[in-house]
N, C-alpha and C. Protein backbone atom coordinates (compact mmCIF):
# COMPACT_ATOMS: atom_id res chain seq x y z
N UNK A 1 1.37 12.50 -15.78
CA UNK A 1 2.41 12.52 -14.78
C UNK A 1 3.69 11.95 -15.40
N UNK A 2 4.75 12.73 -15.47
CA UNK A 2 6.00 12.24 -16.08
C UNK A 2 6.63 11.10 -15.26
N UNK A 3 7.44 10.30 -15.95
CA UNK A 3 8.10 9.15 -15.30
C UNK A 3 8.95 9.60 -14.11
N UNK A 4 9.60 10.74 -14.22
CA UNK A 4 10.43 11.25 -13.13
C UNK A 4 9.59 11.47 -11.87
N UNK A 5 8.39 12.02 -12.03
CA UNK A 5 7.50 12.25 -10.89
C UNK A 5 7.01 10.94 -10.29
N UNK A 6 6.77 9.95 -11.13
CA UNK A 6 6.35 8.63 -10.63
C UNK A 6 7.48 7.99 -9.83
N UNK A 7 8.70 8.14 -10.31
CA UNK A 7 9.84 7.59 -9.59
C UNK A 7 10.03 8.33 -8.26
N UNK A 8 9.88 9.64 -8.26
CA UNK A 8 10.00 10.42 -7.02
C UNK A 8 8.92 10.02 -6.02
N UNK A 9 7.71 9.75 -6.50
CA UNK A 9 6.63 9.29 -5.62
C UNK A 9 7.02 7.95 -5.00
N UNK A 10 7.55 7.05 -5.81
CA UNK A 10 8.02 5.76 -5.29
C UNK A 10 9.09 5.96 -4.22
N UNK A 11 10.07 6.83 -4.49
CA UNK A 11 11.15 7.06 -3.52
C UNK A 11 10.62 7.65 -2.21
N UNK A 12 9.69 8.59 -2.30
CA UNK A 12 9.13 9.19 -1.09
C UNK A 12 8.42 8.14 -0.24
N UNK A 13 7.68 7.25 -0.90
CA UNK A 13 6.98 6.20 -0.16
C UNK A 13 7.95 5.20 0.43
N UNK A 14 9.07 4.97 -0.25
CA UNK A 14 10.07 3.99 0.20
C UNK A 14 10.67 4.34 1.54
N UNK A 15 11.04 5.57 1.74
CA UNK A 15 11.70 5.92 3.01
C UNK A 15 10.76 6.58 4.01
N UNK A 16 9.48 6.48 3.77
CA UNK A 16 8.50 7.00 4.72
C UNK A 16 8.52 6.15 5.99
N UNK A 17 8.46 6.79 7.17
CA UNK A 17 8.41 6.00 8.42
C UNK A 17 7.20 5.08 8.46
N UNK A 18 6.13 5.45 7.78
CA UNK A 18 4.93 4.62 7.77
C UNK A 18 5.19 3.27 7.09
N UNK A 19 6.11 3.25 6.14
CA UNK A 19 6.47 2.00 5.47
C UNK A 19 7.07 1.02 6.47
N UNK A 20 7.98 1.52 7.32
CA UNK A 20 8.66 0.66 8.27
C UNK A 20 7.74 0.25 9.43
N UNK A 21 6.89 1.16 9.86
CA UNK A 21 5.92 0.83 10.91
C UNK A 21 4.96 -0.24 10.39
N UNK A 22 4.51 -0.07 9.16
CA UNK A 22 3.60 -1.05 8.57
C UNK A 22 4.27 -2.42 8.45
N UNK A 23 5.52 -2.46 8.00
CA UNK A 23 6.23 -3.73 7.87
C UNK A 23 6.40 -4.40 9.23
N UNK A 24 6.71 -3.61 10.25
CA UNK A 24 6.85 -4.15 11.60
C UNK A 24 5.54 -4.71 12.12
N UNK A 25 4.46 -3.98 11.86
CA UNK A 25 3.14 -4.45 12.29
C UNK A 25 2.77 -5.75 11.58
N UNK A 26 2.98 -5.78 10.25
CA UNK A 26 2.65 -6.98 9.48
C UNK A 26 3.49 -8.18 9.93
N UNK A 27 4.77 -7.93 10.24
CA UNK A 27 5.63 -9.03 10.71
C UNK A 27 5.17 -9.54 12.07
N UNK A 28 4.79 -8.62 12.94
CA UNK A 28 4.30 -9.01 14.26
C UNK A 28 3.02 -9.83 14.13
N UNK A 29 2.13 -9.37 13.26
CA UNK A 29 0.86 -10.08 13.03
C UNK A 29 1.14 -11.47 12.43
N UNK A 30 2.02 -11.53 11.44
CA UNK A 30 2.35 -12.81 10.80
C UNK A 30 2.94 -13.78 11.81
N UNK A 31 3.79 -13.29 12.69
CA UNK A 31 4.39 -14.16 13.70
C UNK A 31 3.34 -14.62 14.71
N UNK A 32 2.47 -13.72 15.13
CA UNK A 32 1.42 -14.08 16.09
C UNK A 32 0.45 -15.11 15.50
N UNK A 33 0.22 -15.04 14.19
CA UNK A 33 -0.72 -15.95 13.53
C UNK A 33 -0.03 -17.24 13.06
N UNK A 34 1.29 -17.31 13.25
CA UNK A 34 2.01 -18.51 12.85
C UNK A 34 2.24 -18.60 11.35
N UNK A 35 2.19 -17.46 10.67
CA UNK A 35 2.41 -17.44 9.23
C UNK A 35 3.90 -17.65 8.95
N UNK A 36 4.23 -18.38 7.91
CA UNK A 36 5.61 -18.71 7.53
C UNK A 36 6.35 -19.36 8.71
N UNK A 37 5.83 -20.49 9.19
CA UNK A 37 6.46 -21.14 10.35
C UNK A 37 7.91 -21.54 10.11
N UNK A 38 8.30 -21.69 8.86
CA UNK A 38 9.69 -22.07 8.56
C UNK A 38 10.67 -20.94 8.83
N UNK A 39 10.18 -19.74 9.07
CA UNK A 39 11.06 -18.64 9.47
C UNK A 39 11.45 -18.76 10.94
N UNK A 40 10.73 -19.58 11.66
CA UNK A 40 11.05 -19.78 13.07
C UNK A 40 10.39 -18.74 13.96
N UNK A 41 10.74 -18.77 15.24
CA UNK A 41 10.15 -17.86 16.21
C UNK A 41 11.18 -16.89 16.75
N UNK A 42 10.78 -16.18 17.78
CA UNK A 42 11.68 -15.25 18.44
C UNK A 42 12.06 -14.07 17.56
N UNK A 43 13.13 -13.41 17.97
CA UNK A 43 13.60 -12.22 17.27
C UNK A 43 14.06 -12.54 15.86
N UNK A 44 14.73 -13.66 15.70
CA UNK A 44 15.23 -14.03 14.38
C UNK A 44 14.07 -14.28 13.40
N UNK A 45 13.06 -14.99 13.84
CA UNK A 45 11.89 -15.23 13.00
C UNK A 45 11.17 -13.94 12.66
N UNK A 46 11.04 -13.06 13.67
CA UNK A 46 10.38 -11.77 13.44
C UNK A 46 11.18 -10.93 12.43
N UNK A 47 12.51 -10.95 12.54
CA UNK A 47 13.36 -10.19 11.61
C UNK A 47 13.19 -10.71 10.18
N UNK A 48 13.10 -12.02 10.01
CA UNK A 48 12.89 -12.59 8.68
C UNK A 48 11.53 -12.16 8.13
N UNK A 49 10.51 -12.19 8.99
CA UNK A 49 9.18 -11.76 8.55
C UNK A 49 9.17 -10.27 8.21
N UNK A 50 9.88 -9.47 9.00
CA UNK A 50 9.97 -8.03 8.73
C UNK A 50 10.63 -7.78 7.37
N UNK A 51 11.73 -8.49 7.13
CA UNK A 51 12.41 -8.35 5.84
C UNK A 51 11.53 -8.76 4.68
N UNK A 52 10.79 -9.85 4.86
CA UNK A 52 9.91 -10.33 3.79
C UNK A 52 8.78 -9.34 3.53
N UNK A 53 8.15 -8.84 4.59
CA UNK A 53 7.04 -7.90 4.38
C UNK A 53 7.53 -6.57 3.81
N UNK A 54 8.71 -6.14 4.21
CA UNK A 54 9.28 -4.91 3.63
C UNK A 54 9.62 -5.12 2.16
N UNK A 55 10.19 -6.27 1.84
CA UNK A 55 10.49 -6.59 0.43
C UNK A 55 9.20 -6.68 -0.38
N UNK A 56 8.16 -7.27 0.20
CA UNK A 56 6.86 -7.35 -0.49
C UNK A 56 6.37 -5.95 -0.86
N UNK A 57 6.35 -5.08 0.15
CA UNK A 57 5.83 -3.72 -0.04
C UNK A 57 6.64 -2.95 -1.05
N UNK A 58 7.95 -2.98 -0.91
CA UNK A 58 8.81 -2.16 -1.77
C UNK A 58 8.82 -2.67 -3.21
N UNK A 59 8.85 -3.99 -3.39
CA UNK A 59 8.83 -4.51 -4.76
C UNK A 59 7.51 -4.17 -5.44
N UNK A 60 6.42 -4.31 -4.72
CA UNK A 60 5.11 -3.99 -5.30
C UNK A 60 5.00 -2.51 -5.63
N UNK A 61 5.48 -1.66 -4.73
CA UNK A 61 5.44 -0.22 -5.00
C UNK A 61 6.27 0.14 -6.23
N UNK A 62 7.47 -0.44 -6.33
CA UNK A 62 8.31 -0.14 -7.49
C UNK A 62 7.63 -0.59 -8.77
N UNK A 63 7.14 -1.82 -8.77
CA UNK A 63 6.53 -2.37 -9.98
C UNK A 63 5.26 -1.59 -10.36
N UNK A 64 4.39 -1.33 -9.37
CA UNK A 64 3.12 -0.65 -9.66
C UNK A 64 3.29 0.86 -9.85
N UNK A 65 3.92 1.51 -8.87
CA UNK A 65 3.97 2.97 -8.85
C UNK A 65 4.89 3.53 -9.93
N UNK A 66 5.99 2.86 -10.18
CA UNK A 66 6.92 3.41 -11.16
C UNK A 66 6.92 2.63 -12.48
N UNK A 67 7.35 1.38 -12.45
CA UNK A 67 7.61 0.65 -13.69
C UNK A 67 6.36 0.51 -14.57
N UNK A 68 5.35 -0.17 -14.06
CA UNK A 68 4.17 -0.42 -14.90
C UNK A 68 3.35 0.85 -15.18
N UNK A 69 3.23 1.73 -14.20
CA UNK A 69 2.46 2.95 -14.46
C UNK A 69 3.15 3.83 -15.50
N UNK A 70 4.48 3.76 -15.58
CA UNK A 70 5.21 4.50 -16.60
C UNK A 70 5.02 3.84 -17.97
N UNK A 71 5.22 2.54 -18.02
CA UNK A 71 5.08 1.79 -19.28
C UNK A 71 3.66 1.89 -19.83
N UNK A 72 2.67 1.78 -18.94
CA UNK A 72 1.26 1.76 -19.37
C UNK A 72 0.61 3.15 -19.37
N UNK A 73 1.38 4.18 -19.03
CA UNK A 73 0.89 5.57 -19.00
C UNK A 73 -0.33 5.73 -18.09
N UNK A 74 -0.19 5.20 -16.85
CA UNK A 74 -1.25 5.32 -15.86
C UNK A 74 -0.76 6.15 -14.69
N UNK A 75 -1.67 6.85 -14.04
CA UNK A 75 -1.34 7.70 -12.91
C UNK A 75 -1.47 6.88 -11.63
N UNK A 76 -0.38 6.71 -10.85
CA UNK A 76 -0.43 5.86 -9.66
C UNK A 76 -1.04 6.52 -8.43
N UNK A 77 -1.37 7.79 -8.52
CA UNK A 77 -1.89 8.51 -7.35
C UNK A 77 -3.36 8.19 -7.11
N UNK A 78 -3.78 8.39 -5.85
CA UNK A 78 -5.19 8.25 -5.48
C UNK A 78 -5.80 9.65 -5.51
N UNK A 79 -6.94 9.77 -6.15
CA UNK A 79 -7.68 11.02 -6.20
C UNK A 79 -8.99 10.85 -5.43
N UNK A 80 -9.26 11.72 -4.47
CA UNK A 80 -10.49 11.64 -3.69
C UNK A 80 -11.71 11.76 -4.58
N UNK A 81 -12.80 11.20 -4.14
CA UNK A 81 -14.00 11.15 -4.98
C UNK A 81 -14.70 12.49 -5.13
N UNK A 82 -14.70 13.29 -4.09
CA UNK A 82 -15.43 14.55 -4.15
C UNK A 82 -16.92 14.37 -3.94
N UNK A 83 -17.36 13.16 -3.66
CA UNK A 83 -18.78 12.89 -3.42
C UNK A 83 -19.07 13.09 -1.94
N UNK A 84 -20.34 13.20 -1.61
CA UNK A 84 -20.73 13.42 -0.22
C UNK A 84 -21.33 12.18 0.44
N UNK A 85 -22.06 11.39 -0.31
CA UNK A 85 -22.74 10.23 0.26
C UNK A 85 -21.72 9.16 0.66
N UNK A 86 -21.90 8.60 1.85
CA UNK A 86 -20.98 7.61 2.40
C UNK A 86 -20.82 6.40 1.48
N UNK A 87 -21.92 5.80 1.06
CA UNK A 87 -21.86 4.60 0.23
C UNK A 87 -21.18 4.90 -1.11
N UNK A 88 -21.46 6.06 -1.68
CA UNK A 88 -20.83 6.44 -2.95
C UNK A 88 -19.32 6.59 -2.79
N UNK A 89 -18.89 7.13 -1.67
CA UNK A 89 -17.45 7.30 -1.42
C UNK A 89 -16.77 5.95 -1.16
N UNK A 90 -17.44 5.07 -0.42
CA UNK A 90 -16.89 3.74 -0.18
C UNK A 90 -16.77 2.99 -1.50
N UNK A 91 -17.81 3.03 -2.31
CA UNK A 91 -17.79 2.36 -3.61
C UNK A 91 -16.67 2.92 -4.49
N UNK A 92 -16.59 4.24 -4.57
CA UNK A 92 -15.56 4.88 -5.39
C UNK A 92 -14.16 4.44 -4.94
N UNK A 93 -13.88 4.56 -3.64
CA UNK A 93 -12.52 4.29 -3.16
C UNK A 93 -12.12 2.83 -3.36
N UNK A 94 -13.03 1.91 -3.11
CA UNK A 94 -12.67 0.49 -3.25
C UNK A 94 -12.55 0.06 -4.71
N UNK A 95 -13.22 0.76 -5.61
CA UNK A 95 -13.12 0.40 -7.03
C UNK A 95 -11.89 1.01 -7.70
N UNK A 96 -11.12 1.81 -6.99
CA UNK A 96 -9.90 2.39 -7.60
C UNK A 96 -8.85 1.31 -7.84
N UNK A 97 -9.03 0.15 -7.26
CA UNK A 97 -8.15 -0.98 -7.55
C UNK A 97 -8.40 -1.44 -8.99
N UNK A 98 -9.61 -1.27 -9.46
CA UNK A 98 -10.00 -1.71 -10.80
C UNK A 98 -9.90 -0.56 -11.81
N UNK A 99 -10.22 0.65 -11.37
CA UNK A 99 -10.26 1.81 -12.26
C UNK A 99 -9.24 2.84 -11.80
N UNK A 100 -8.49 3.39 -12.73
CA UNK A 100 -7.54 4.46 -12.43
C UNK A 100 -7.61 5.50 -13.54
N UNK A 101 -6.77 6.50 -13.43
CA UNK A 101 -6.68 7.50 -14.49
C UNK A 101 -5.41 7.22 -15.30
N UNK A 102 -5.52 7.46 -16.60
CA UNK A 102 -4.29 7.37 -17.39
C UNK A 102 -3.59 8.73 -17.33
N UNK A 103 -2.46 8.84 -17.99
CA UNK A 103 -1.69 10.08 -17.93
C UNK A 103 -2.43 11.27 -18.54
N UNK A 104 -3.47 11.02 -19.32
CA UNK A 104 -4.28 12.10 -19.88
C UNK A 104 -5.44 12.49 -18.96
N UNK A 105 -5.60 11.77 -17.85
CA UNK A 105 -6.66 12.07 -16.90
C UNK A 105 -7.96 11.33 -17.16
N UNK A 106 -7.98 10.44 -18.13
CA UNK A 106 -9.19 9.66 -18.43
C UNK A 106 -9.21 8.37 -17.63
N UNK A 107 -10.41 7.91 -17.28
CA UNK A 107 -10.55 6.65 -16.56
C UNK A 107 -10.18 5.46 -17.43
N UNK A 108 -9.52 4.48 -16.82
CA UNK A 108 -9.11 3.28 -17.55
C UNK A 108 -8.96 2.11 -16.58
N UNK A 109 -8.93 0.90 -17.12
CA UNK A 109 -8.71 -0.29 -16.29
C UNK A 109 -7.34 -0.18 -15.64
N UNK A 110 -7.24 -0.49 -14.36
CA UNK A 110 -5.99 -0.33 -13.60
C UNK A 110 -5.07 -1.53 -13.85
N UNK A 111 -4.54 -1.58 -15.04
CA UNK A 111 -3.66 -2.67 -15.45
C UNK A 111 -2.40 -2.71 -14.59
N UNK A 112 -1.85 -1.54 -14.27
CA UNK A 112 -0.62 -1.52 -13.46
C UNK A 112 -0.87 -2.10 -12.06
N UNK A 113 -2.06 -1.92 -11.53
CA UNK A 113 -2.41 -2.50 -10.22
C UNK A 113 -2.45 -4.03 -10.31
N UNK A 114 -3.19 -4.55 -11.28
CA UNK A 114 -3.36 -6.00 -11.39
C UNK A 114 -2.05 -6.69 -11.76
N UNK A 115 -1.37 -6.19 -12.79
CA UNK A 115 -0.11 -6.82 -13.18
C UNK A 115 0.95 -6.65 -12.09
N UNK A 116 0.98 -5.49 -11.45
CA UNK A 116 1.95 -5.24 -10.38
C UNK A 116 1.75 -6.19 -9.20
N UNK A 117 0.49 -6.37 -8.81
CA UNK A 117 0.19 -7.29 -7.70
C UNK A 117 0.55 -8.73 -8.09
N UNK A 118 0.26 -9.11 -9.33
CA UNK A 118 0.57 -10.46 -9.78
C UNK A 118 2.08 -10.69 -9.89
N UNK A 119 2.78 -9.74 -10.51
CA UNK A 119 4.24 -9.89 -10.67
C UNK A 119 4.95 -9.89 -9.32
N UNK A 120 4.56 -9.00 -8.43
CA UNK A 120 5.24 -8.97 -7.13
C UNK A 120 4.90 -10.21 -6.30
N UNK A 121 3.69 -10.74 -6.45
CA UNK A 121 3.33 -11.98 -5.74
C UNK A 121 4.17 -13.14 -6.25
N UNK A 122 4.44 -13.17 -7.55
CA UNK A 122 5.29 -14.22 -8.11
C UNK A 122 6.75 -14.01 -7.68
N UNK A 123 7.19 -12.76 -7.64
CA UNK A 123 8.56 -12.44 -7.22
C UNK A 123 8.82 -12.89 -5.78
N UNK A 124 7.81 -12.86 -4.96
CA UNK A 124 7.97 -13.24 -3.56
C UNK A 124 8.37 -14.70 -3.40
N UNK A 125 8.16 -15.50 -4.43
CA UNK A 125 8.59 -16.90 -4.38
C UNK A 125 10.11 -17.01 -4.31
N UNK A 126 10.82 -15.94 -4.64
CA UNK A 126 12.28 -15.97 -4.58
C UNK A 126 12.81 -15.96 -3.15
N UNK A 127 12.04 -15.42 -2.21
CA UNK A 127 12.57 -15.32 -0.84
C UNK A 127 11.64 -15.89 0.23
N UNK A 128 10.48 -16.41 -0.15
CA UNK A 128 9.63 -17.07 0.83
C UNK A 128 10.13 -18.50 1.04
N UNK A 129 9.83 -19.07 2.21
CA UNK A 129 10.22 -20.47 2.44
C UNK A 129 9.63 -21.38 1.36
N UNK A 130 10.36 -22.43 1.03
CA UNK A 130 9.97 -23.33 -0.05
C UNK A 130 8.53 -23.82 0.06
N UNK A 131 8.07 -24.07 1.27
CA UNK A 131 6.71 -24.59 1.47
C UNK A 131 5.64 -23.55 1.14
N UNK A 132 6.02 -22.29 1.01
CA UNK A 132 5.06 -21.22 0.74
C UNK A 132 5.20 -20.68 -0.68
N UNK A 133 5.65 -21.51 -1.60
CA UNK A 133 5.88 -21.08 -2.97
C UNK A 133 4.96 -21.76 -3.97
N UNK A 134 3.84 -22.25 -3.53
CA UNK A 134 2.94 -22.95 -4.45
C UNK A 134 2.14 -21.94 -5.27
N UNK A 135 1.51 -22.42 -6.30
CA UNK A 135 0.65 -21.58 -7.13
C UNK A 135 -0.47 -20.99 -6.27
N UNK A 136 -1.05 -21.81 -5.39
CA UNK A 136 -2.12 -21.35 -4.51
C UNK A 136 -1.65 -20.24 -3.57
N UNK A 137 -0.44 -20.40 -3.02
CA UNK A 137 0.12 -19.36 -2.15
C UNK A 137 0.33 -18.06 -2.93
N UNK A 138 0.82 -18.17 -4.16
CA UNK A 138 1.04 -16.99 -4.99
C UNK A 138 -0.28 -16.28 -5.27
N UNK A 139 -1.32 -17.05 -5.59
CA UNK A 139 -2.63 -16.45 -5.86
C UNK A 139 -3.25 -15.84 -4.59
N UNK A 140 -3.00 -16.45 -3.43
CA UNK A 140 -3.46 -15.87 -2.17
C UNK A 140 -2.78 -14.53 -1.91
N UNK A 141 -1.47 -14.46 -2.19
CA UNK A 141 -0.76 -13.19 -2.02
C UNK A 141 -1.28 -12.14 -3.00
N UNK A 142 -1.58 -12.56 -4.22
CA UNK A 142 -2.14 -11.66 -5.24
C UNK A 142 -3.47 -11.08 -4.75
N UNK A 143 -4.36 -11.95 -4.26
CA UNK A 143 -5.65 -11.48 -3.74
C UNK A 143 -5.48 -10.58 -2.52
N UNK A 144 -4.53 -10.94 -1.66
CA UNK A 144 -4.27 -10.11 -0.48
C UNK A 144 -3.72 -8.74 -0.87
N UNK A 145 -2.89 -8.69 -1.90
CA UNK A 145 -2.35 -7.41 -2.36
C UNK A 145 -3.46 -6.51 -2.87
N UNK A 146 -4.38 -7.07 -3.65
CA UNK A 146 -5.51 -6.28 -4.16
C UNK A 146 -6.40 -5.81 -3.01
N UNK A 147 -6.66 -6.70 -2.06
CA UNK A 147 -7.48 -6.33 -0.89
C UNK A 147 -6.81 -5.24 -0.07
N UNK A 148 -5.51 -5.39 0.14
CA UNK A 148 -4.76 -4.40 0.89
C UNK A 148 -4.81 -3.03 0.22
N UNK A 149 -4.68 -3.02 -1.10
CA UNK A 149 -4.72 -1.74 -1.83
C UNK A 149 -6.12 -1.13 -1.78
N UNK A 150 -7.16 -1.96 -1.80
CA UNK A 150 -8.53 -1.43 -1.69
C UNK A 150 -8.74 -0.81 -0.30
N UNK A 151 -8.23 -1.44 0.73
CA UNK A 151 -8.34 -0.90 2.09
C UNK A 151 -7.54 0.40 2.21
N UNK A 152 -6.35 0.43 1.60
CA UNK A 152 -5.54 1.64 1.61
C UNK A 152 -6.28 2.80 0.94
N UNK A 153 -6.93 2.52 -0.20
CA UNK A 153 -7.70 3.56 -0.88
C UNK A 153 -8.88 4.02 -0.04
N UNK A 154 -9.50 3.11 0.66
CA UNK A 154 -10.60 3.46 1.56
C UNK A 154 -10.10 4.39 2.66
N UNK A 155 -8.95 4.08 3.21
CA UNK A 155 -8.36 4.94 4.24
C UNK A 155 -7.97 6.31 3.66
N UNK A 156 -7.45 6.33 2.46
CA UNK A 156 -7.09 7.60 1.82
C UNK A 156 -8.31 8.48 1.60
N UNK A 157 -9.43 7.84 1.32
CA UNK A 157 -10.66 8.60 1.10
C UNK A 157 -11.18 9.22 2.40
N UNK A 158 -11.11 8.47 3.49
CA UNK A 158 -11.75 8.92 4.72
C UNK A 158 -10.81 9.48 5.78
N UNK A 159 -9.51 9.33 5.62
CA UNK A 159 -8.57 9.86 6.61
C UNK A 159 -8.71 11.37 6.82
N UNK A 160 -8.85 12.18 5.77
CA UNK A 160 -9.03 13.62 6.02
C UNK A 160 -10.25 13.93 6.90
N UNK A 161 -11.33 13.19 6.70
CA UNK A 161 -12.54 13.39 7.52
C UNK A 161 -12.29 13.00 8.97
N UNK A 162 -11.60 11.87 9.15
CA UNK A 162 -11.30 11.41 10.52
C UNK A 162 -10.37 12.40 11.22
N UNK A 163 -9.39 12.92 10.48
CA UNK A 163 -8.47 13.90 11.07
C UNK A 163 -9.24 15.15 11.52
N UNK A 164 -10.13 15.63 10.68
CA UNK A 164 -10.93 16.82 11.05
C UNK A 164 -11.77 16.54 12.28
N UNK A 165 -12.37 15.38 12.35
CA UNK A 165 -13.20 15.02 13.49
C UNK A 165 -12.38 14.97 14.77
N UNK A 166 -11.22 14.31 14.72
CA UNK A 166 -10.38 14.19 15.91
C UNK A 166 -9.76 15.52 16.32
N UNK A 167 -9.40 16.32 15.33
CA UNK A 167 -8.80 17.63 15.66
C UNK A 167 -9.80 18.53 16.37
N UNK A 168 -11.05 18.38 16.01
CA UNK A 168 -12.10 19.19 16.64
C UNK A 168 -12.14 18.97 18.15
N UNK A 169 -11.85 17.74 18.56
CA UNK A 169 -11.98 17.37 19.97
C UNK A 169 -10.63 17.14 20.65
N UNK A 170 -9.53 17.44 19.95
CA UNK A 170 -8.21 17.17 20.51
C UNK A 170 -7.75 18.30 21.43
N UNK A 171 -6.95 17.91 22.42
CA UNK A 171 -6.37 18.91 23.31
C UNK A 171 -5.20 19.59 22.62
N UNK A 172 -4.76 20.70 23.18
CA UNK A 172 -3.63 21.43 22.60
C UNK A 172 -2.37 20.58 22.55
N UNK A 173 -2.16 19.79 23.59
CA UNK A 173 -0.97 18.95 23.67
C UNK A 173 -0.94 17.94 22.52
N UNK A 174 -2.05 17.33 22.23
CA UNK A 174 -2.13 16.35 21.14
C UNK A 174 -1.91 17.04 19.80
N UNK A 175 -2.45 18.22 19.61
CA UNK A 175 -2.25 18.96 18.36
C UNK A 175 -0.79 19.32 18.16
N UNK A 176 -0.09 19.63 19.24
CA UNK A 176 1.34 19.94 19.14
C UNK A 176 2.15 18.70 18.74
N UNK A 177 1.78 17.56 19.28
CA UNK A 177 2.45 16.30 18.93
C UNK A 177 2.20 15.99 17.45
N UNK A 178 0.97 16.17 17.01
CA UNK A 178 0.61 15.87 15.62
C UNK A 178 1.39 16.74 14.64
N UNK A 179 1.65 17.97 14.98
CA UNK A 179 2.40 18.87 14.10
C UNK A 179 3.82 18.38 13.86
N UNK A 180 4.36 17.62 14.80
CA UNK A 180 5.73 17.13 14.69
C UNK A 180 5.83 15.84 13.88
N UNK A 181 4.71 15.17 13.65
CA UNK A 181 4.72 13.91 12.90
C UNK A 181 4.97 14.18 11.42
N UNK A 182 5.70 13.27 10.74
CA UNK A 182 5.92 13.45 9.30
C UNK A 182 4.63 13.21 8.51
N UNK A 183 4.53 13.87 7.40
CA UNK A 183 3.37 13.70 6.52
C UNK A 183 3.66 12.54 5.58
N UNK A 184 2.74 11.54 5.49
CA UNK A 184 2.97 10.45 4.55
C UNK A 184 3.07 11.00 3.13
N UNK A 185 3.95 10.43 2.28
CA UNK A 185 4.14 10.94 0.93
C UNK A 185 2.85 11.02 0.12
N UNK A 186 1.95 10.06 0.32
CA UNK A 186 0.71 10.07 -0.47
C UNK A 186 -0.24 11.18 -0.02
N UNK A 187 -0.01 11.78 1.15
CA UNK A 187 -0.86 12.87 1.62
C UNK A 187 -0.29 14.25 1.30
N UNK A 188 0.92 14.28 0.74
CA UNK A 188 1.52 15.58 0.41
C UNK A 188 0.83 16.15 -0.81
N UNK A 189 0.68 17.48 -0.85
CA UNK A 189 0.01 18.10 -2.00
C UNK A 189 0.83 17.99 -3.27
């Protein structure tokens, strides 16, 4: 995958509505759980959390999807397993955090994932409240980033199946609404 295509993939993910919905959800969850109490409460606190979660997502995507995958010649895309057994598919999808394809299509250690999660977790110390900038906090963010990416890969593996199942039982009105929704960049052919 050429560097230009990796950059275009990053750009498509950046302005996807799903990116902003996800950041809003994460900010709402963080506020409800009392995460980053130094950001305060109310609308102002929520806006700070939204900005932080959006910055987290975008910096990690840039570092992993474009910068490191280009430098390390790794393919940042998720490829479905093609297996049929549930456990085999779950195992495959969750291990994509550790294993990826290089630009030649061969399996390799997902260095861009690990370094990207680590670098972006360290970068977050630039805008998180001072009390949340410890080594332990950085390592917690690193672990959370890897966990989040494993869950995302799991969803990428099974979302087509869930869509087929729901479409089978959906009314015409729901199918019409679904046709109007934007396609996430990672689901585009």
